[in-house]
C-alpha cells in the first residue's frame, strides 16, 4: 500500500530540474552501452545544452514495468534506471525510496556562497559526520566531477579563492545542482550498527546577480520554492555601522546589494510558488547565516558562543544554537538592523540566525588563501536537518 501511494498519489520533485511528477510516470532508460537503440536524447540536450551529451540509452515506457524494472525492447536487457519525465536526467537509485531535502544556498554577490558550499561539504564529510555518526557521499558522477573541479580542488588543493558563481541565465551548466546521499547511522535493538535514515540532499549555488530581480528568480531559481530549507548568506560588512569600524574594509570591487531587498524577493518568490495567501506565513525554514565573521571579530565580545568552535558532541545541541541565535539578534540590534529581523520573522515561521566563517581568514591580494580554517559552517545545515528530525537533541 505504501509503495502504491508513492507511485500514484505523492508528487515527487526532480533533484535536477525541480519539476514535480508522480513516480509511475517516470520513464526508464536502457543502461546497456552496446544496445543498438542508443540515440541522442533531444529532451536531455534541450534542458542541459552546455553539457557534453552523446548517444543515450533508449527511453522505455514505464507502464510495462514490473517490480521497478523493465525489459528493453531493443536489446532485451533488464533495467531499473529511471529518468525525470521532464529533463530526462537519470534519477538517483534511491529516488522515491527515501526523502529528498533540497537545500538552497542563496545570497548577494560576494557573500561567499561558493566558499560556503565547498567548506560545508568538506567539514560534513571529514569532521562533523564522524562526530554525529553520519556519512555524506556524492550521488552521481556529475556531482563528483563538479564538486572536485569547481569547489574542492581549487580551494583545498591549490589554496586559491573560488571564482564568483556565473549567472544561470548565461551558463545553464551552473543550474545543475549537486546531489549527495546523507546516511545517518545508529544501532538496532541488539546493539548492531545499522542505517537509521537516508536522505537525498540537493545543494544549489545561485549566482548573486540572479537575485537582482524577482522575474529572474522565478525563471532561473525555481528551486527556491521547492526547497526543504533555505540558507541565506548575509555579509555583515555591508551594514554601515559595521563598515565604518572595520580596520580593513571590503575590496572596492565587491558589489553591495541591499540585504532586505534580497530577502523580500526570496519571500515573494516562495509565496507565489507555493500559492500562499497574504496572511499565510512561509513554513519553509530559513537560516540567516552571517558570513565572513572572522573579518568582524575585532568588533565582537570574544566570550560569545558564535566565536567558538562547535563542540563535537554525539548529538545536536539546540541550546547552543538558541544561544547563538540570541547573540546574533543582539548584534543586529546594536548595528541598527532590527528592521531586518522583523522582516524575516514576519514572513517566515521558522527562523534562526548564525555566524559562520568559511575561510577563517582574509584572502591575499593574489587570490590565494593563506590559512584555511572554517568555523561553524555546519551550524545552518544542522539546524535545518534537526528541524526535519534527522538529528536527536542533546
Protein backbone atom coordinates (compact mmCIF):
# COMPACT_ATOMS: atom_id res chain seq x y z
CA UNK A 1 0.00 0.00 0.00
CA UNK A 2 2.82 2.37 0.92
CA UNK A 3 4.58 1.86 -2.45
CA UNK A 4 1.28 2.30 -4.32
CA UNK A 5 0.75 5.67 -2.64
CA UNK A 6 4.29 6.79 -3.56
CA UNK A 7 3.81 5.72 -7.16
CA UNK A 8 0.31 7.06 -7.79
CA UNK A 9 -0.50 9.87 -5.35
CA UNK A 10 2.62 11.57 -3.97
CA UNK A 11 4.21 14.29 -6.11
CA UNK A 12 7.99 13.90 -6.10
CA UNK A 13 10.47 16.62 -7.10
CA UNK A 14 13.23 16.02 -9.62
CA UNK A 15 16.54 16.87 -7.88
CA UNK A 16 17.87 18.37 -11.13
CA UNK A 17 15.14 20.46 -12.81
CA UNK A 18 12.83 20.62 -9.75
CA UNK A 19 9.68 19.71 -11.68
CA UNK A 20 7.06 17.70 -9.83
CA UNK A 21 5.74 14.35 -11.06
CA UNK A 22 4.33 11.05 -9.88
CA UNK A 23 6.82 8.18 -9.88
CA UNK A 24 4.58 5.99 -12.04
CA UNK A 25 5.10 8.47 -14.90
CA UNK A 26 8.91 8.39 -14.75
CA UNK A 27 10.27 6.54 -17.82
CA UNK A 28 13.16 4.09 -17.70
CA UNK A 29 16.41 4.23 -19.65
CA UNK A 30 18.28 1.23 -21.02
CA UNK A 31 21.72 1.01 -19.44
CA UNK A 32 23.27 -1.35 -21.99
CA UNK A 33 26.13 0.51 -23.69
CA UNK A 34 26.05 -1.97 -26.57
CA UNK A 35 22.31 -1.57 -27.23
CA UNK A 36 21.52 -0.67 -30.84
CA UNK A 37 18.74 1.64 -29.62
CA UNK A 38 21.16 4.25 -28.25
CA UNK A 39 20.50 7.68 -29.82
CA UNK A 40 20.84 11.36 -28.82
CA UNK A 41 18.13 12.42 -26.37
CA UNK A 42 16.61 15.77 -27.51
CA UNK A 43 14.86 16.37 -24.15
CA UNK A 44 18.11 15.90 -22.22
CA UNK A 45 20.01 18.17 -24.62
CA UNK A 46 17.32 20.86 -24.53
CA UNK A 47 17.40 21.11 -20.74
CA UNK A 48 21.19 20.89 -20.37
CA UNK A 49 22.61 22.41 -23.59
CA UNK A 50 26.07 23.11 -22.20
CA UNK A 51 26.69 19.53 -21.14
CA UNK A 52 28.65 17.26 -23.47
CA UNK A 53 25.87 14.76 -24.15
CA UNK A 54 26.29 11.97 -26.69
CA UNK A 55 24.13 8.98 -27.50
CA UNK A 56 21.93 7.83 -24.64
CA UNK A 57 20.18 4.59 -23.78
CA UNK A 58 16.71 4.11 -25.19
CA UNK A 59 13.86 5.70 -23.22
CA UNK A 60 11.39 2.98 -22.16
CA UNK A 61 7.70 3.27 -21.30
CA UNK A 62 7.10 2.93 -17.52
CA UNK A 63 3.71 1.22 -18.00
CA UNK A 64 5.41 -2.07 -18.87
CA UNK A 65 7.44 -2.09 -15.63
CA UNK A 66 7.25 -4.97 -13.18
CA UNK A 67 8.68 -4.59 -9.67
CA UNK A 68 10.59 -1.46 -10.62
CA UNK A 69 12.21 -2.88 -13.75
CA UNK A 70 11.52 -3.02 -17.49
CA UNK A 71 12.94 -5.03 -20.39
CA UNK A 72 14.43 -3.04 -23.24
CA UNK A 73 12.56 -3.91 -26.43
CA UNK A 74 15.73 -3.33 -28.42
CA UNK A 75 18.33 -5.47 -26.64
CA UNK A 76 16.19 -7.45 -24.13
CA UNK A 77 18.30 -6.26 -21.17
CA UNK A 78 16.58 -5.52 -17.85
CA UNK A 79 16.98 -2.02 -16.41
CA UNK A 80 15.83 -0.24 -13.25
CA UNK A 81 17.27 3.16 -14.18
CA UNK A 82 14.55 5.81 -14.11
CA UNK A 83 14.71 9.29 -15.60
CA UNK A 84 12.87 12.53 -14.93
CA UNK A 85 9.86 12.85 -17.28
CA UNK A 86 10.77 16.50 -17.93
CA UNK A 87 14.56 16.90 -18.14
CA UNK A 88 15.44 13.19 -18.72
CA UNK A 89 18.28 13.21 -16.16
CA UNK A 90 18.84 9.80 -14.57
CA UNK A 91 17.26 9.83 -11.12
CA UNK A 92 19.22 8.66 -8.04
CA UNK A 93 18.95 4.93 -7.34
CA UNK A 94 17.18 5.68 -4.05
CA UNK A 95 14.71 8.14 -5.61
CA UNK A 96 11.22 7.55 -4.26
CA UNK A 97 12.56 5.23 -1.55
CA UNK A 98 13.89 7.92 0.78
CA UNK A 99 13.09 11.56 1.41
CA UNK A 100 14.51 14.43 -0.62
CA UNK A 101 15.85 17.59 1.01
CA UNK A 102 16.60 20.46 -1.35
CA UNK A 103 18.88 22.98 0.38
CA UNK A 104 19.07 26.37 -1.32
CA UNK A 105 22.17 28.43 -0.59
CA UNK A 106 21.46 32.00 -1.66
CA UNK A 107 22.92 35.42 -1.05
CA UNK A 108 24.20 38.55 -2.75
CA UNK A 109 27.24 38.53 -4.99
CA UNK A 110 30.44 38.19 -2.92
CA UNK A 111 28.56 36.94 0.15
CA UNK A 112 30.68 33.76 -0.01
CA UNK A 113 28.22 31.13 -1.32
CA UNK A 114 30.76 29.03 -3.26
CA UNK A 115 33.26 29.08 -0.39
CA UNK A 116 30.45 28.12 1.96
CA UNK A 117 29.34 25.08 -0.07
CA UNK A 118 32.95 23.92 -0.52
CA UNK A 119 33.81 24.09 3.16
CA UNK A 120 30.41 22.83 4.32
CA UNK A 121 30.66 19.62 2.29
CA UNK A 122 34.28 19.02 3.35
CA UNK A 123 33.52 19.67 7.03
CA UNK A 124 30.44 17.43 6.96
CA UNK A 125 32.31 14.58 5.29
CA UNK A 126 35.55 14.72 7.26
CA UNK A 127 34.85 16.24 10.70
CA UNK A 128 31.17 16.67 11.60
CA UNK A 129 29.91 13.43 10.04
CA UNK A 130 32.17 11.12 12.07
CA UNK A 131 31.24 13.01 15.25
CA UNK A 132 27.47 12.81 14.67
CA UNK A 133 27.56 9.32 13.10
CA UNK A 134 26.52 10.14 9.54
CA UNK A 135 28.09 9.94 6.10
CA UNK A 136 27.73 12.30 3.15
CA UNK A 137 28.61 10.97 -0.29
CA UNK A 138 28.10 12.25 -3.86
CA UNK A 139 25.13 10.62 -5.56
CA UNK A 140 26.35 10.73 -9.17
CA UNK A 141 29.40 11.25 -11.38
CA UNK A 142 28.32 14.79 -12.27
CA UNK A 143 28.37 15.78 -8.60
CA UNK A 144 31.75 14.11 -8.03
CA UNK A 145 33.29 15.87 -11.02
CA UNK A 146 31.75 19.30 -10.44
CA UNK A 147 32.48 19.43 -6.71
CA UNK A 148 36.09 18.44 -7.29
CA UNK A 149 36.62 20.78 -10.25
CA UNK A 150 34.74 23.89 -9.09
CA UNK A 151 34.94 23.67 -5.29
CA UNK A 152 37.30 21.27 -3.53
CA UNK A 153 40.39 21.22 -5.73
CA UNK A 154 40.84 24.99 -6.23
CA UNK A 155 40.28 25.79 -2.55
CA UNK A 156 41.72 22.79 -0.68
CA UNK A 157 44.41 21.52 -3.02
CA UNK A 158 45.52 24.66 -4.85
CA UNK A 159 44.91 27.08 -1.98
CA UNK A 160 43.15 29.73 -4.04
CA UNK A 161 39.84 31.52 -3.59
CA UNK A 162 36.96 30.38 -5.77
CA UNK A 163 35.62 32.34 -8.72
CA UNK A 164 32.26 34.08 -8.49
CA UNK A 165 29.34 31.86 -9.50
CA UNK A 166 28.26 32.54 -13.08
CA UNK A 167 24.67 33.54 -13.83
CA UNK A 168 22.28 30.72 -14.70
CA UNK A 169 20.89 32.92 -17.49
CA UNK A 170 24.17 32.83 -19.42
CA UNK A 171 25.55 29.46 -18.32
CA UNK A 172 23.00 26.71 -17.87
CA UNK A 173 25.64 24.33 -16.51
CA UNK A 174 25.54 26.15 -13.16
CA UNK A 175 21.82 25.35 -12.96
CA UNK A 176 22.84 21.73 -12.43
CA UNK A 177 22.63 21.08 -8.67
CA UNK A 178 24.92 18.78 -6.72
CA UNK A 179 23.22 15.70 -5.29
CA UNK A 180 24.51 13.93 -2.16
CA UNK A 181 23.37 10.96 -0.12
CA UNK A 182 23.13 11.51 3.66
CA UNK A 183 23.10 8.29 5.68
CA UNK A 184 22.56 8.51 9.42
CA UNK A 185 23.88 5.58 11.41
CA UNK A 186 22.66 4.02 14.61
CA UNK A 187 22.22 0.68 16.37
CA UNK A 188 19.36 -1.80 16.44
CA UNK A 189 17.87 -3.50 19.49
CA UNK A 190 20.73 -5.99 19.51
CA UNK A 191 23.42 -3.28 19.52
CA UNK A 192 24.37 -3.92 15.92
CA UNK A 193 25.22 -0.98 13.68
CA UNK A 194 22.66 -0.09 11.05
CA UNK A 195 21.43 2.79 8.88
CA UNK A 196 18.65 4.66 10.65
CA UNK A 197 17.77 7.15 7.92
CA UNK A 198 18.73 8.07 4.36
CA UNK A 199 18.13 11.49 2.81
CA UNK A 200 18.89 12.65 -0.72
CA UNK A 201 20.42 16.12 -0.34
CA UNK A 202 20.40 18.62 -3.19
CA UNK A 203 22.69 21.66 -2.90
CA UNK A 204 22.19 24.57 -5.26
CA UNK A 205 24.59 27.51 -5.54
CA UNK A 206 22.73 30.50 -7.02
CA UNK A 207 24.60 33.38 -8.62
CA UNK A 208 24.15 36.63 -6.71
CA UNK A 209 23.24 38.52 -9.87
CA UNK A 210 20.31 36.14 -10.39
CA UNK A 211 18.78 37.56 -7.19
CA UNK A 212 18.63 41.11 -8.54
CA UNK A 213 15.10 40.83 -9.88
CA UNK A 214 12.04 38.81 -8.94
CA UNK A 215 11.38 37.93 -12.60
CA UNK A 216 14.81 36.33 -12.96
CA UNK A 217 14.40 34.41 -9.72
CA UNK A 218 11.07 32.98 -10.87
CA UNK A 219 12.63 31.54 -14.04
CA UNK A 220 16.24 30.70 -13.09
CA UNK A 221 15.77 29.97 -9.39
CA UNK A 222 12.56 27.91 -9.32
CA UNK A 223 14.23 25.55 -6.87
CA UNK A 224 13.82 28.14 -4.09
CA UNK A 225 10.13 27.46 -3.52
CA UNK A 226 10.69 23.70 -3.80
CA UNK A 227 13.31 23.84 -1.05
CA UNK A 228 13.11 21.92 2.20
CA UNK A 229 15.27 24.62 3.75
CA UNK A 230 16.99 27.87 2.80
CA UNK A 231 20.42 29.06 3.89
CA UNK A 232 20.58 32.80 3.28
CA UNK A 233 24.14 34.12 3.44
CA UNK A 234 24.43 37.75 4.52
CA UNK A 235 27.61 39.82 4.64
CA UNK A 236 27.62 41.88 7.88
CA UNK A 237 30.34 44.11 6.42
CA UNK A 238 27.65 45.73 4.27
CA UNK A 239 25.95 47.22 7.34
CA UNK A 240 27.04 50.89 7.68
CA UNK A 241 27.52 50.55 11.46
CA UNK A 242 29.94 47.66 10.86
CA UNK A 243 31.68 49.05 7.79
CA UNK A 244 32.73 52.28 9.48
CA UNK A 245 34.53 50.33 12.25
CA UNK A 246 36.45 47.87 10.11
CA UNK A 247 40.24 48.34 10.02
CA UNK A 248 40.31 46.65 6.59
CA UNK A 249 37.15 47.50 4.61
CA UNK A 250 35.90 45.16 1.84
CA UNK A 251 37.60 45.26 -1.54
CA UNK A 252 36.37 48.23 -3.62
CA UNK A 253 35.31 45.83 -6.37
CA UNK A 254 32.84 43.98 -4.14
CA UNK A 255 29.26 44.75 -5.07
CA UNK A 256 26.84 45.88 -2.35
CA UNK A 257 23.21 44.79 -2.62
CA UNK A 258 20.62 45.71 -0.03
CA UNK A 259 20.12 42.65 2.17
CA UNK A 260 16.47 43.36 2.84
CA UNK A 261 15.75 43.62 -0.90
CA UNK A 262 17.09 40.10 -1.47
CA UNK A 263 15.09 38.76 1.47
CA UNK A 264 11.93 40.42 0.14
CA UNK A 265 12.42 38.91 -3.32
CA UNK A 266 13.03 35.44 -1.84
CA UNK A 267 9.85 35.69 0.25
CA UNK A 268 7.80 36.84 -2.76
CA UNK A 269 9.09 34.00 -4.97
CA UNK A 270 8.30 31.40 -2.30
CA UNK A 271 4.83 32.87 -1.74
CA UNK A 272 3.99 32.78 -5.45
CA UNK A 273 5.49 29.33 -5.97
CA UNK A 274 3.54 27.86 -3.05
CA UNK A 275 0.41 29.90 -3.85
CA UNK A 276 0.21 31.33 -0.33
CA UNK A 277 -2.32 33.97 0.65
CA UNK A 278 -1.10 37.33 2.01
CA UNK A 279 -1.99 36.24 5.54
CA UNK A 280 -0.09 32.92 5.45
CA UNK A 281 3.43 32.71 6.80
CA UNK A 282 6.07 30.78 4.88
CA UNK A 283 6.72 27.42 6.57
CA UNK A 284 10.00 26.71 4.74
CA UNK A 285 12.69 27.03 7.46
CA UNK A 286 15.34 29.65 6.78
CA UNK A 287 18.75 30.01 8.40
CA UNK A 288 20.13 33.54 8.08
CA UNK A 289 23.88 32.96 8.24
CA UNK A 290 26.20 35.93 8.55
CA UNK A 291 29.32 35.06 6.58
CA UNK A 292 32.93 36.24 6.90
CA UNK A 293 32.56 36.53 10.67
CA UNK A 294 36.33 36.32 11.08
CA UNK A 295 36.65 39.76 9.45
CA UNK A 296 34.38 41.44 12.01
CA UNK A 297 35.73 39.51 15.00
CA UNK A 298 37.57 42.57 16.44
CA UNK A 299 34.18 44.29 16.86
CA UNK A 300 32.60 41.49 18.89
CA UNK A 301 32.79 40.36 22.52
CA UNK A 302 35.34 37.50 22.46
CA UNK A 303 33.33 35.48 25.02
CA UNK A 304 30.36 34.97 22.69
CA UNK A 305 29.50 31.40 21.64
CA UNK A 306 29.45 32.35 17.97
CA UNK A 307 33.22 32.94 18.04
CA UNK A 308 33.98 29.49 19.43
CA UNK A 309 34.21 26.24 17.51
CA UNK A 310 31.24 23.89 17.82
CA UNK A 311 31.71 21.16 20.41
CA UNK A 312 31.90 17.74 18.73
CA UNK A 313 29.13 16.13 20.77
CA UNK A 314 27.46 12.94 19.56
CA UNK A 315 24.15 14.78 19.29
CA UNK A 316 22.80 18.10 18.07
CA UNK A 317 22.89 20.86 20.70
CA UNK A 318 19.76 23.01 20.30
CA UNK A 319 20.59 25.03 23.43
CA UNK A 320 23.86 26.17 21.88
CA UNK A 321 22.06 27.02 18.62
CA UNK A 322 19.47 29.08 20.54
CA UNK A 323 22.21 30.94 22.43
CA UNK A 324 23.97 31.86 19.17
CA UNK A 325 20.66 32.94 17.66
CA UNK A 326 20.13 35.34 20.59
CA UNK A 327 23.70 36.65 20.28
CA UNK A 328 23.27 37.44 16.58
CA UNK A 329 19.93 39.15 17.20
CA UNK A 330 21.58 41.33 19.85
CA UNK A 331 24.37 42.24 17.45
CA UNK A 332 21.85 43.12 14.76
CA UNK A 333 20.03 45.41 17.16
CA UNK A 334 23.35 47.08 18.02
CA UNK A 335 24.04 47.51 14.30
CA UNK A 336 20.59 49.10 13.82
CA UNK A 337 19.28 46.15 11.79
CA UNK A 338 16.14 45.42 13.83
CA UNK A 339 14.12 46.01 10.65
CA UNK A 340 15.85 43.05 9.00
CA UNK A 341 15.00 40.82 11.98
CA UNK A 342 11.40 42.00 11.89
CA UNK A 343 11.11 41.31 8.15
CA UNK A 344 12.38 37.75 8.28
CA UNK A 345 10.34 36.84 11.38
CA UNK A 346 7.18 38.37 9.88
CA UNK A 347 7.45 36.34 6.68
CA UNK A 348 8.97 33.01 7.80
CA UNK A 349 7.62 30.93 10.67
CA UNK A 350 10.89 29.04 11.33
CA UNK A 351 14.00 31.22 11.56
CA UNK A 352 17.44 31.04 13.08
CA UNK A 353 20.46 33.35 12.95
CA UNK A 354 24.01 32.02 12.67
CA UNK A 355 27.51 33.40 12.36
CA UNK A 356 29.95 31.49 10.15
CA UNK A 357 33.37 31.80 8.58
CA UNK A 358 34.11 29.66 5.53
CA UNK A 359 37.75 30.61 5.01
CA UNK A 360 38.64 31.71 8.54
CA UNK A 361 40.91 34.39 7.10
CA UNK A 362 41.01 37.14 4.52
CA UNK A 363 42.31 36.09 1.12
CA UNK A 364 45.52 37.61 -0.22
CA UNK A 365 45.62 40.20 -2.98
CA UNK A 366 46.66 37.49 -5.47
CA UNK A 367 43.57 35.42 -4.62
CA UNK A 368 45.35 32.80 -2.54
CA UNK A 369 44.07 31.69 0.87
CA UNK A 370 46.84 31.89 3.50
CA UNK A 371 45.27 29.65 6.17
CA UNK A 372 42.03 27.81 5.55
CA UNK A 373 40.22 27.42 8.88
CA UNK A 374 36.40 27.05 8.51
CA UNK A 375 34.37 27.81 11.61
CA UNK A 376 30.75 26.88 12.33
CA UNK A 377 29.86 26.39 8.66
CA UNK A 378 27.82 23.36 9.68
CA UNK A 379 25.51 25.30 12.03
CA UNK A 380 22.83 26.35 9.47
CA UNK A 381 22.77 22.89 7.89
CA UNK A 382 22.49 21.02 11.21
CA UNK A 383 19.68 23.35 12.33
CA UNK A 384 17.73 22.61 9.12
CA UNK A 385 18.31 18.85 9.39
CA UNK A 386 17.39 18.84 13.08
CA UNK A 387 14.12 20.54 12.08
CA UNK A 388 13.12 17.57 9.91
CA UNK A 389 14.10 15.08 12.59
CA UNK A 390 17.46 13.86 11.27
CA UNK A 391 19.44 14.54 14.44
CA UNK A 392 18.48 13.99 18.05
CA UNK A 393 18.81 16.79 20.58
CA UNK A 394 21.38 16.57 23.38
